Amino acid sequence: MSESVAPGVRGVSVAAAFAGMRSVAPVVFRAGCPDCRGRFELAASALRLAIGASRRTTFYSFTCPDCGAAVRKPAGERIVELLTGGGVRTLRLHSTV
């Protein structure tokens, strides 16, 4: 089965379609440490998101680049949406009941 193209329309190769594109800047997230009060930006790879069955068990975590503290903060629906959309690794927690 071959693809058909409308009369008068030329096919475009992938290389030609993406020839003018530039690289996309990596996504960064602003965060703060409750221990040292440091403010910084983190790449998606520096964050982890855990999605649980309730609001109490849904959170994101990271290690503070300033003081090394393990930080865990609650993640509401909007935060979950932003983090997953930005490529943060996600762990889905399941209930054992």
Protein backbone atom coordinates (compact mmCIF):
# COMPACT_ATOMS: atom_id res chain seq x y z
CA MET A 1 0.00 0.00 0.00
CA SER A 2 1.51 3.34 -0.98
CA GLU A 3 0.83 6.77 0.47
CA SER A 4 -1.00 9.12 -1.82
CA VAL A 5 -0.29 12.82 -1.98
CA ALA A 6 -2.74 15.42 -3.21
CA PRO A 7 -2.15 16.46 -6.84
CA GLY A 8 0.39 19.25 -7.06
CA VAL A 9 1.79 18.61 -3.56
CA ARG A 10 5.31 17.29 -3.25
CA GLY A 11 6.36 14.96 -0.47
CA VAL A 12 8.86 16.35 2.03
CA SER A 13 11.65 14.31 3.54
CA VAL A 14 12.15 14.27 7.31
CA ALA A 15 15.57 15.88 6.89
CA ALA A 16 14.08 18.73 4.87
CA ALA A 17 11.21 19.24 7.32
CA PHE A 18 13.55 19.61 10.30
CA ALA A 19 16.45 21.36 8.52
CA GLY A 20 15.70 24.82 9.90
CA MET A 21 14.98 23.77 13.47
CA ARG A 22 17.31 24.60 16.30
CA SER A 23 17.86 22.61 19.44
CA VAL A 24 15.35 23.10 22.22
CA ALA A 25 16.52 24.40 25.60
CA PRO A 26 16.22 21.81 28.36
CA VAL A 27 13.36 22.23 30.82
CA VAL A 28 14.38 23.55 34.23
CA PHE A 29 12.30 23.86 37.37
CA ARG A 30 12.69 26.46 40.12
CA ALA A 31 12.88 25.00 43.60
CA GLY A 32 13.80 25.93 47.12
CA CYS A 33 15.28 24.13 50.10
CA PRO A 34 13.41 24.43 53.41
CA ASP A 35 16.60 23.60 55.34
CA CYS A 36 19.12 26.13 53.99
CA ARG A 37 16.59 28.42 52.25
CA GLY A 38 18.57 28.13 49.02
CA ARG A 39 16.79 28.97 45.73
CA PHE A 40 17.92 27.29 42.52
CA GLU A 41 16.93 25.73 39.22
CA LEU A 42 16.94 21.97 38.68
CA ALA A 43 16.89 19.91 35.51
CA ALA A 44 14.13 17.32 35.13
CA SER A 45 16.70 14.58 35.78
CA ALA A 46 17.34 15.97 39.30
CA LEU A 47 13.71 15.54 40.36
CA ARG A 48 11.58 12.48 41.14
CA LEU A 49 7.79 12.40 41.27
CA ALA A 50 5.81 9.82 43.23
CA ILE A 51 2.10 9.57 42.51
CA GLY A 52 0.11 7.87 45.24
CA ALA A 53 -3.54 7.12 45.88
CA SER A 54 -4.07 10.32 47.88
CA ARG A 55 -2.84 13.87 48.21
CA ARG A 56 -0.64 12.81 51.15
CA THR A 57 1.15 10.17 49.10
CA THR A 58 1.77 12.29 45.99
CA PHE A 59 5.01 14.25 46.20
CA TYR A 60 8.18 15.25 44.40
CA SER A 61 11.68 15.02 45.77
CA PHE A 62 15.20 16.19 45.06
CA THR A 63 18.55 16.70 46.75
CA CYS A 64 19.42 20.31 47.54
CA PRO A 65 22.47 21.27 45.47
CA ASP A 66 23.51 23.82 48.13
CA CYS A 67 23.38 21.81 51.38
CA GLY A 68 22.77 18.22 50.24
CA ALA A 69 19.51 17.81 52.16
CA ALA A 70 16.91 15.36 50.86
CA VAL A 71 13.82 17.46 50.12
CA ARG A 72 10.28 16.10 49.75
CA LYS A 73 7.36 18.37 48.88
CA PRO A 74 3.67 17.69 48.22
CA ALA A 75 2.55 17.74 44.59
CA GLY A 76 -0.97 18.80 43.70
CA GLU A 77 -2.57 18.18 40.32
CA ARG A 78 -0.97 21.22 38.65
CA ILE A 79 2.53 20.34 39.92
CA VAL A 80 2.09 16.74 38.72
CA GLU A 81 1.04 18.04 35.31
CA LEU A 82 4.03 20.39 35.03
CA LEU A 83 6.58 17.83 36.22
CA THR A 84 5.35 15.00 34.00
CA GLY A 85 5.11 17.37 31.03
CA GLY A 86 8.68 18.48 31.68
CA GLY A 87 10.06 14.95 31.62
CA VAL A 88 10.50 14.26 35.33
CA ARG A 89 10.81 10.55 36.10
CA THR A 90 7.61 9.30 37.73
CA LEU A 91 6.92 6.45 40.12
CA ARG A 92 3.32 5.33 40.60
CA LEU A 93 2.66 4.06 44.10
CA HIS A 94 0.04 1.34 44.45
CA SER A 95 -2.01 0.49 47.50
CA THR A 96 -1.45 -2.96 49.02
CA VAL A 97 -5.03 -3.10 50.35
